[in-house]
Amino acid sequence: MTKNKNRSNLQYFAQAWSAWAFLYFILFKSYCLYLVSNSFKIKLYNQYKLFEGGLIHELCRR
């Protein structure tokens, strides 16, 4: 009986650990995607500002 009880406790903790590991994996993946998308937005914004500044500069030169 003790062997079966230990085995069921082990299975319970293994399942709980697996669930927490999966949750942390999902959170980590979401955070990485957030960082990548934020970096991409910053690059696009900088390109837009560079283009806008260059365009205004060209219009003012005329």
N, C-alpha and C. Protein backbone atom coordinates (compact mmCIF):
# COMPACT_ATOMS: atom_id res chain seq x y z
N MET A 1 0.82 -1.20 0.00
CA MET A 1 0.00 0.00 0.00
C MET A 1 0.87 1.26 0.00
N THR A 2 1.96 1.23 0.76
CA THR A 2 2.83 2.40 0.82
C THR A 2 3.46 2.68 -0.53
N LYS A 3 3.82 1.60 -1.24
CA LYS A 3 4.41 1.78 -2.56
C LYS A 3 3.44 2.48 -3.51
N ASN A 4 2.20 2.04 -3.49
CA ASN A 4 1.19 2.65 -4.36
C ASN A 4 0.92 4.10 -3.97
N LYS A 5 0.90 4.36 -2.66
CA LYS A 5 0.66 5.73 -2.21
C LYS A 5 1.81 6.65 -2.62
N ASN A 6 3.04 6.17 -2.47
CA ASN A 6 4.20 6.96 -2.91
C ASN A 6 4.16 7.20 -4.40
N ARG A 7 3.76 6.18 -5.13
CA ARG A 7 3.69 6.32 -6.59
C ARG A 7 2.63 7.35 -6.98
N SER A 8 1.48 7.32 -6.32
CA SER A 8 0.43 8.28 -6.66
C SER A 8 0.86 9.70 -6.28
N ASN A 9 1.57 9.85 -5.15
CA ASN A 9 2.08 11.18 -4.78
C ASN A 9 3.09 11.66 -5.81
N LEU A 10 3.95 10.77 -6.25
CA LEU A 10 4.95 11.13 -7.26
C LEU A 10 4.28 11.54 -8.56
N GLN A 11 3.25 10.81 -8.97
CA GLN A 11 2.54 11.16 -10.19
C GLN A 11 1.86 12.52 -10.05
N TYR A 12 1.30 12.78 -8.87
CA TYR A 12 0.65 14.07 -8.63
C TYR A 12 1.66 15.21 -8.75
N PHE A 13 2.81 15.07 -8.11
CA PHE A 13 3.82 16.13 -8.17
C PHE A 13 4.40 16.27 -9.57
N ALA A 14 4.53 15.16 -10.27
CA ALA A 14 5.03 15.23 -11.65
C ALA A 14 4.05 15.99 -12.53
N GLN A 15 2.76 15.73 -12.34
CA GLN A 15 1.76 16.45 -13.14
C GLN A 15 1.73 17.93 -12.78
N ALA A 16 1.83 18.23 -11.49
CA ALA A 16 1.82 19.63 -11.06
C ALA A 16 3.05 20.35 -11.60
N TRP A 17 4.21 19.71 -11.53
CA TRP A 17 5.44 20.31 -12.04
C TRP A 17 5.32 20.55 -13.54
N SER A 18 4.76 19.57 -14.23
CA SER A 18 4.61 19.68 -15.68
C SER A 18 3.68 20.84 -16.04
N ALA A 19 2.61 21.00 -15.28
CA ALA A 19 1.67 22.10 -15.56
C ALA A 19 2.34 23.45 -15.33
N TRP A 20 3.10 23.59 -14.24
CA TRP A 20 3.79 24.85 -13.97
C TRP A 20 4.86 25.12 -15.03
N ALA A 21 5.57 24.09 -15.44
CA ALA A 21 6.60 24.26 -16.47
C ALA A 21 5.97 24.73 -17.78
N PHE A 22 4.83 24.15 -18.12
CA PHE A 22 4.13 24.54 -19.34
C PHE A 22 3.67 26.00 -19.25
N LEU A 23 3.14 26.39 -18.08
CA LEU A 23 2.70 27.76 -17.88
C LEU A 23 3.86 28.74 -18.03
N TYR A 24 4.99 28.42 -17.41
CA TYR A 24 6.16 29.30 -17.53
C TYR A 24 6.66 29.36 -18.97
N PHE A 25 6.59 28.24 -19.69
CA PHE A 25 7.00 28.23 -21.09
C PHE A 25 6.12 29.16 -21.92
N ILE A 26 4.81 29.10 -21.69
CA ILE A 26 3.89 29.96 -22.43
C ILE A 26 4.16 31.43 -22.09
N LEU A 27 4.37 31.73 -20.81
CA LEU A 27 4.66 33.12 -20.43
C LEU A 27 5.97 33.61 -21.04
N PHE A 28 6.99 32.76 -21.03
CA PHE A 28 8.29 33.13 -21.60
C PHE A 28 8.16 33.37 -23.10
N LYS A 29 7.43 32.50 -23.78
CA LYS A 29 7.23 32.65 -25.22
C LYS A 29 6.47 33.94 -25.53
N SER A 30 5.45 34.24 -24.74
CA SER A 30 4.69 35.47 -24.94
C SER A 30 5.57 36.70 -24.74
N TYR A 31 6.42 36.66 -23.71
CA TYR A 31 7.31 37.78 -23.43
C TYR A 31 8.31 37.98 -24.57
N CYS A 32 8.84 36.88 -25.08
CA CYS A 32 9.78 36.98 -26.21
C CYS A 32 9.11 37.58 -27.44
N LEU A 33 7.88 37.14 -27.72
CA LEU A 33 7.15 37.70 -28.86
C LEU A 33 6.87 39.19 -28.65
N TYR A 34 6.57 39.55 -27.41
CA TYR A 34 6.34 40.97 -27.09
C TYR A 34 7.60 41.79 -27.35
N LEU A 35 8.75 41.28 -26.91
CA LEU A 35 10.00 42.01 -27.12
C LEU A 35 10.32 42.17 -28.59
N VAL A 36 10.11 41.10 -29.36
CA VAL A 36 10.40 41.15 -30.79
C VAL A 36 9.46 42.14 -31.48
N SER A 37 8.17 42.07 -31.16
CA SER A 37 7.23 42.98 -31.81
C SER A 37 7.49 44.43 -31.41
N ASN A 38 7.86 44.65 -30.15
CA ASN A 38 8.16 46.00 -29.70
C ASN A 38 9.39 46.54 -30.42
N SER A 39 10.40 45.70 -30.58
CA SER A 39 11.60 46.11 -31.30
C SER A 39 11.27 46.46 -32.75
N PHE A 40 10.41 45.66 -33.36
CA PHE A 40 10.01 45.90 -34.75
C PHE A 40 9.25 47.22 -34.86
N LYS A 41 8.37 47.49 -33.89
CA LYS A 41 7.61 48.75 -33.90
C LYS A 41 8.55 49.94 -33.77
N ILE A 42 9.55 49.83 -32.92
CA ILE A 42 10.50 50.93 -32.74
C ILE A 42 11.28 51.17 -34.03
N LYS A 43 11.68 50.09 -34.71
CA LYS A 43 12.40 50.25 -35.97
C LYS A 43 11.52 50.93 -37.02
N LEU A 44 10.26 50.50 -37.10
CA LEU A 44 9.35 51.12 -38.07
C LEU A 44 9.12 52.59 -37.74
N TYR A 45 8.96 52.89 -36.46
CA TYR A 45 8.74 54.28 -36.04
C TYR A 45 9.96 55.13 -36.39
N ASN A 46 11.15 54.62 -36.15
CA ASN A 46 12.37 55.37 -36.46
C ASN A 46 12.51 55.59 -37.96
N GLN A 47 12.15 54.58 -38.76
CA GLN A 47 12.21 54.74 -40.21
C GLN A 47 11.19 55.79 -40.67
N TYR A 48 10.01 55.76 -40.05
CA TYR A 48 8.98 56.73 -40.40
C TYR A 48 9.44 58.14 -40.07
N LYS A 49 10.02 58.32 -38.87
CA LYS A 49 10.49 59.64 -38.48
C LYS A 49 11.62 60.11 -39.38
N LEU A 50 12.50 59.19 -39.76
CA LEU A 50 13.60 59.53 -40.65
C LEU A 50 13.04 59.97 -42.01
N PHE A 51 12.07 59.21 -42.52
CA PHE A 51 11.45 59.54 -43.80
C PHE A 51 10.72 60.87 -43.70
N GLU A 52 9.95 61.05 -42.63
CA GLU A 52 9.19 62.27 -42.45
C GLU A 52 10.12 63.48 -42.36
N GLY A 53 11.19 63.34 -41.59
CA GLY A 53 12.15 64.43 -41.46
C GLY A 53 12.82 64.75 -42.78
N GLY A 54 13.18 63.71 -43.53
CA GLY A 54 13.81 63.92 -44.83
C GLY A 54 12.86 64.56 -45.82
N LEU A 55 11.60 64.16 -45.78
CA LEU A 55 10.61 64.70 -46.69
C LEU A 55 10.34 66.18 -46.38
N ILE A 56 10.20 66.49 -45.12
CA ILE A 56 9.97 67.89 -44.73
C ILE A 56 11.19 68.74 -45.09
N HIS A 57 12.36 68.19 -44.89
CA HIS A 57 13.59 68.91 -45.23
C HIS A 57 13.63 69.21 -46.72
N GLU A 58 13.25 68.23 -47.53
CA GLU A 58 13.26 68.43 -48.99
C GLU A 58 12.22 69.47 -49.40
N LEU A 59 11.05 69.45 -48.76
CA LEU A 59 10.01 70.42 -49.12
C LEU A 59 10.41 71.84 -48.71
N CYS A 60 11.10 71.96 -47.60
CA CYS A 60 11.52 73.29 -47.13
C CYS A 60 12.66 73.85 -47.98
N ARG A 61 13.44 72.98 -48.59
CA ARG A 61 14.56 73.44 -49.41
C ARG A 61 14.08 74.12 -50.68
N ARG A 62 12.90 73.74 -51.15
CA ARG A 62 12.42 74.29 -52.43
C ARG A 62 11.92 75.69 -52.30
